[in-house]
Protein backbone atom coordinates (compact mmCIF):
# COMPACT_ATOMS: atom_id res chain seq x y z
CA MET A 1 102.08 104.22 92.72
CA ASN A 2 100.45 104.10 89.48
CA LYS A 3 100.23 100.77 87.76
CA THR A 4 103.37 101.11 85.69
CA GLN A 5 105.46 102.44 88.69
CA TRP A 6 104.01 99.52 90.83
CA VAL A 7 105.09 96.84 88.25
CA SER A 8 108.33 98.09 87.65
CA ILE A 9 109.52 98.54 91.25
CA SER A 10 108.58 95.03 91.85
CA VAL A 11 111.85 93.52 90.26
CA SER A 12 112.44 92.24 93.68
CA PHE A 13 111.00 89.60 110.37
CA VAL A 14 109.51 86.18 110.18
CA LEU A 15 107.64 86.17 113.45
CA ILE A 16 109.41 83.63 115.31
CA LEU A 17 109.48 85.45 118.66
CA VAL A 18 106.08 83.66 119.77
CA LEU A 19 107.95 80.61 119.91
CA PHE A 20 110.91 81.97 121.78
CA PHE A 21 109.31 81.50 125.23
CA ALA A 22 107.53 78.17 126.19
CA PHE A 23 105.18 80.45 128.52
CA ASP A 24 103.68 83.94 128.15
CA THR A 25 103.71 85.23 131.58
CA THR A 26 103.04 88.83 130.94
CA PRO A 27 99.63 90.30 132.19
CA LYS A 28 97.15 91.26 129.24
CA SER A 29 96.95 94.83 130.63
CA GLN A 30 100.86 95.35 130.38
CA LYS A 31 100.81 93.65 126.83
CA GLU A 32 98.19 96.01 125.54
CA LEU A 33 100.52 98.85 127.13
CA GLU A 34 103.48 97.73 125.60
CA LYS A 35 101.57 97.27 122.24
CA SER A 36 100.39 100.76 122.31
CA ARG A 37 103.80 102.33 123.01
CA ILE A 38 105.22 100.42 120.01
CA LEU A 39 102.61 101.68 117.93
CA VAL A 40 102.95 105.23 119.10
CA ALA A 41 106.80 104.98 118.63
CA GLU A 42 106.40 103.73 114.99
CA SER A 43 103.67 106.25 114.15
CA THR A 44 105.72 108.95 115.65
CA ASP A 45 108.68 108.06 113.40
CA ILE A 46 106.81 108.34 110.16
CA ASN A 47 104.84 111.20 111.37
CA VAL A 48 107.91 113.13 111.95
CA LEU A 49 109.11 112.38 108.32
CA VAL A 50 105.99 113.21 106.83
CA THR A 51 105.65 116.54 108.70
CA GLU A 52 109.25 117.45 107.68
CA ALA A 53 108.67 116.53 104.09
CA LYS A 54 105.30 118.68 104.02
CA GLU A 55 107.20 121.68 105.42
CA GLU A 56 110.17 121.33 102.91
CA LEU A 57 107.52 120.80 99.92
CA GLY A 58 105.26 123.86 101.00
CA GLU A 59 101.49 123.87 101.22
CA ALA A 60 101.20 123.95 97.23
CA ARG A 61 103.23 120.94 96.35
CA SER A 62 101.84 118.71 99.46
CA SER A 63 98.09 119.36 98.60
CA GLY A 64 97.69 116.11 96.72
CA VAL A 65 99.33 114.22 99.46
CA MET A 66 96.88 115.89 101.81
CA SER A 67 93.91 115.00 99.54
CA LEU A 68 94.77 111.39 99.39
CA GLU A 69 95.14 111.13 103.24
CA ASN A 70 91.85 112.78 103.74
CA ALA A 71 90.27 110.30 101.19
CA ILE A 72 91.98 107.17 103.10
CA ARG A 73 90.47 108.53 106.31
CA GLU A 74 86.85 108.72 104.85
CA THR A 75 86.86 105.04 103.62
CA GLU A 76 86.80 101.72 105.34
CA ASP A 77 86.55 99.73 101.96
CA LYS A 78 89.77 97.68 101.83
CA SER A 79 90.31 97.56 98.13
CA THR A 80 89.53 101.35 97.97
CA GLN A 81 92.19 101.97 100.89
CA ILE A 82 94.70 99.82 98.83
CA GLU A 83 94.27 101.67 95.55
CA LEU A 84 94.47 105.03 97.69
CA TYR A 85 97.69 103.74 99.49
CA LYS A 86 99.27 102.84 96.08
CA GLN A 87 98.62 106.49 95.01
CA LEU A 88 99.98 107.84 98.02
CA SER A 89 102.92 105.97 97.62
CA GLY A 90 103.48 106.96 94.08
CA THR A 91 103.01 110.62 94.89
CA TRP A 92 105.70 110.57 97.69
CA TYR A 93 107.95 108.49 95.16
CA GLU A 94 107.67 111.18 92.51
CA LEU A 95 108.59 113.65 95.11
CA GLU A 96 111.72 111.72 95.73
CA LYS A 97 110.64 110.91 99.39
CA HIS A 98 111.49 107.38 99.06
CA ALA A 99 111.13 106.43 102.82
CA ILE A 100 107.54 107.69 102.98
CA ALA A 101 106.82 105.99 99.66
CA GLY A 102 107.97 102.55 101.31
CA TYR A 103 105.71 103.26 104.24
CA TYR A 104 102.72 103.53 102.26
CA ALA A 105 103.70 100.69 100.08
CA GLN A 106 104.05 98.72 103.27
CA GLN A 107 100.47 99.70 104.22
CA VAL A 108 99.42 98.13 100.98
CA ALA A 109 101.26 94.85 101.62
CA SER A 110 99.74 94.73 105.33
CA LEU A 111 96.29 95.05 103.55
CA ASP A 112 96.55 92.57 100.89
CA GLU A 113 99.30 90.26 102.02
CA GLN A 114 100.74 89.47 98.93
CA GLU A 115 104.31 88.44 97.97
CA GLU A 116 104.60 91.05 95.42
CA SER A 117 103.43 93.81 97.58
CA TRP A 118 105.78 93.08 100.26
CA SER A 119 108.70 92.88 97.42
CA ILE A 120 107.62 96.41 96.33
CA ALA A 121 107.72 97.61 99.95
CA GLY A 122 111.09 96.30 100.48
CA THR A 123 112.44 97.66 97.14
CA THR A 124 111.27 101.08 97.70
CA TYR A 125 112.81 101.08 101.20
CA THR A 126 116.00 99.98 99.68
CA ILE A 127 115.94 102.78 97.35
CA ALA A 128 115.49 105.04 100.24
CA LEU A 129 118.50 103.26 102.03
CA GLN A 130 120.75 103.80 99.06
CA ARG A 131 119.73 107.30 98.08
CA SER A 132 119.33 109.25 101.49
CA THR A 133 122.19 110.89 103.34
CA ILE A 134 120.04 111.31 106.32
CA LYS A 135 120.83 108.87 109.24
CA LYS A 136 117.30 108.60 110.56
CA GLU A 137 115.86 108.17 107.28
CA ARG A 138 118.35 105.38 106.38
CA ASP A 139 117.75 103.88 109.76
CA PHE A 140 113.93 103.77 109.25
CA ALA A 141 114.28 102.38 105.63
CA ALA A 142 116.80 99.71 106.48
CA LYS A 143 114.81 97.99 109.26
CA ARG A 144 111.78 98.02 107.24
CA ALA A 145 113.31 96.74 104.03
CA VAL A 146 114.48 93.61 105.97
CA GLU A 147 111.11 92.95 107.31
CA ALA A 148 109.41 93.56 103.97
CA PHE A 149 111.73 91.11 102.11
CA GLU A 150 111.38 88.44 105.05
CA ASN A 151 107.74 88.81 104.77
CA ALA A 152 107.82 88.17 101.08
CA ILE A 153 110.15 85.27 101.48
CA SER A 154 107.88 83.60 103.98
CA LEU A 155 105.12 83.86 101.49
CA ASN A 156 107.32 82.33 98.46
CA PRO A 157 110.42 81.01 99.60
CA GLU A 158 111.32 79.75 96.38
CA ASN A 159 111.65 83.10 94.56
CA PRO A 160 115.23 83.99 94.60
CA ALA A 161 114.87 87.78 93.90
CA ASN A 162 113.64 88.36 97.51
CA HIS A 163 116.53 86.58 99.12
CA VAL A 164 118.97 88.58 96.85
CA ASN A 165 117.22 91.74 97.58
CA LEU A 166 117.48 90.97 101.43
CA ALA A 167 121.16 90.37 101.03
CA LEU A 168 121.58 93.60 99.23
CA VAL A 169 119.99 95.49 102.20
CA TYR A 170 122.57 93.64 104.52
CA THR A 171 125.47 94.77 102.25
CA GLU A 172 124.25 98.45 102.38
CA ARG A 173 123.42 98.37 106.03
CA PRO A 174 125.59 95.43 107.66
CA PRO A 175 124.31 94.44 110.91
CA GLU A 176 126.61 95.22 114.01
CA GLY A 177 128.90 92.39 114.64
CA ASN A 178 128.27 90.78 111.31
CA PRO A 179 129.51 93.11 108.45
CA MET A 180 129.95 90.43 105.99
CA LYS A 181 126.26 88.98 106.46
CA GLY A 182 124.84 90.27 102.99
CA ILE A 183 128.16 88.71 101.03
CA GLN A 184 127.77 85.47 102.74
CA MET A 185 124.10 85.27 101.76
CA LEU A 186 124.83 85.98 98.46
CA LEU A 187 127.64 83.48 98.17
CA LYS A 188 125.51 80.73 99.53
CA LEU A 189 122.89 81.65 97.03
CA ASN A 190 125.41 81.28 94.35
CA ASN A 191 126.93 77.90 95.88
CA ASP A 192 123.07 76.68 95.68
CA ASP A 193 122.28 77.85 92.29
CA PRO A 194 125.59 78.65 90.35
CA ASP A 195 123.59 79.72 87.07
CA ASN A 196 121.49 82.21 88.75
CA VAL A 197 122.05 85.39 86.56
CA VAL A 198 120.47 87.63 89.08
CA VAL A 199 122.98 86.42 91.86
CA LEU A 200 125.91 86.50 89.45
CA THR A 201 125.56 90.05 88.40
CA THR A 202 124.85 91.04 91.95
CA LEU A 203 128.03 89.52 93.01
CA GLY A 204 129.77 91.12 89.89
CA ARG A 205 128.68 94.51 90.91
CA LEU A 206 129.77 94.17 94.47
CA ALA A 207 133.10 93.09 93.00
CA ILE A 208 133.55 96.09 90.99
CA ARG A 209 132.52 98.35 94.14
CA THR A 210 135.32 96.74 96.08
CA GLY A 211 137.75 96.66 93.23
CA GLN A 212 137.99 92.99 92.56
CA PHE A 213 137.92 93.20 88.90
CA GLU A 214 139.09 89.80 87.81
CA ARG A 215 136.29 88.28 90.07
CA ALA A 216 133.85 90.54 88.52
CA VAL A 217 134.74 89.76 84.88
CA GLU A 218 134.63 86.00 85.93
CA ARG A 219 131.10 86.41 87.32
CA LEU A 220 129.65 88.89 84.76
CA GLY A 221 131.02 86.91 81.86
CA LYS A 222 129.33 83.70 83.16
CA ALA A 223 126.26 85.87 83.44
CA LEU A 224 126.52 86.88 79.79
CA GLU A 225 127.02 83.39 78.73
CA LEU A 226 123.71 82.27 80.21
CA GLU A 227 121.96 85.29 79.02
CA PRO A 228 123.68 86.94 76.17
CA GLN A 229 121.30 89.76 75.87
CA ASN A 230 121.19 90.66 79.57
CA LYS A 231 121.72 94.56 79.60
CA ASN A 232 122.74 94.80 83.14
CA ALA A 233 125.56 92.19 83.01
CA THR A 234 126.91 93.83 79.61
CA CYS A 235 127.16 97.37 80.98
CA LEU A 236 128.69 96.02 84.31
CA LEU A 237 131.26 93.86 82.33
CA ALA A 238 132.20 96.69 80.52
CA GLN A 239 133.13 98.59 83.77
CA ALA A 240 134.90 95.60 84.98
CA TYR A 241 137.13 95.53 82.02
CA GLN A 242 137.71 99.21 82.17
CA GLY A 243 138.71 98.70 85.91
CA LYS A 244 141.03 95.81 84.72
CA GLY A 245 142.64 97.78 82.07
CA GLU A 246 141.28 95.86 79.27
CA LEU A 247 140.29 98.96 77.47
CA ASP A 248 139.43 97.50 74.04
CA LYS A 249 137.11 95.16 75.39
CA ALA A 250 135.48 97.53 77.64
CA ALA A 251 134.87 99.77 74.62
CA THR A 252 133.12 97.08 72.93
CA LEU A 253 131.09 96.04 75.68
CA GLN A 254 130.38 99.67 76.58
CA GLN A 255 129.16 100.10 72.83
CA ARG A 256 126.73 97.07 73.22
CA CYS A 257 125.54 98.55 76.54
CA GLU A 258 124.63 101.90 75.00
CA ASN A 259 122.92 99.96 72.06
CA PHE A 260 120.31 98.18 74.20
């Protein structure tokens, strides 16, 4: 992505398996084979998505992508690779292939190991999850969004945005057997920090989605008390009052929303 896209999209698995067993009895040769199989499976997944996307775009529209791919293959300089992966992610993002854009944003994060880069990768995957109607793309994006935000959290546990974004992934794609996980995470965040405007607006938006307009008004109203110039809270509160049937209040807030 270009610098503007990279900054704008950043507005948001801890590897514990090594501790699961006291002893590792897997032969080294078998571990290498298993690792190879995992890498092949992951590579095949992204290759399928990229191949299908290129076929859809045609040779002319995908030429820029192929040029960047060739440039990455021809360099071993880490900083150059990072910049090229950012450009490749941005190109796919502009082509509205968000799952692929997320994959290349993930490559950036894997190289520079920065919280912001993992947040950007997770956010890009979340956009893919929200916008795609293709199951395999949604599955691809959901799993990797979780991993990206968990990596961001491991680097900076104190940043609430990553916790909120992780919870949003779970609300969009709940784990089997725990459909309320995302909501429960958000409620805990709200309990731990009742004045967190991001959490309040997120809970307000989810309340609107589920028709709980009274609760939405309560949470969004508090968010606006804390940040009177918060556009997101203003626009959402207009929707909440509309759903609640208080049309005069809705109209006033909608006018404010449009004037931001």
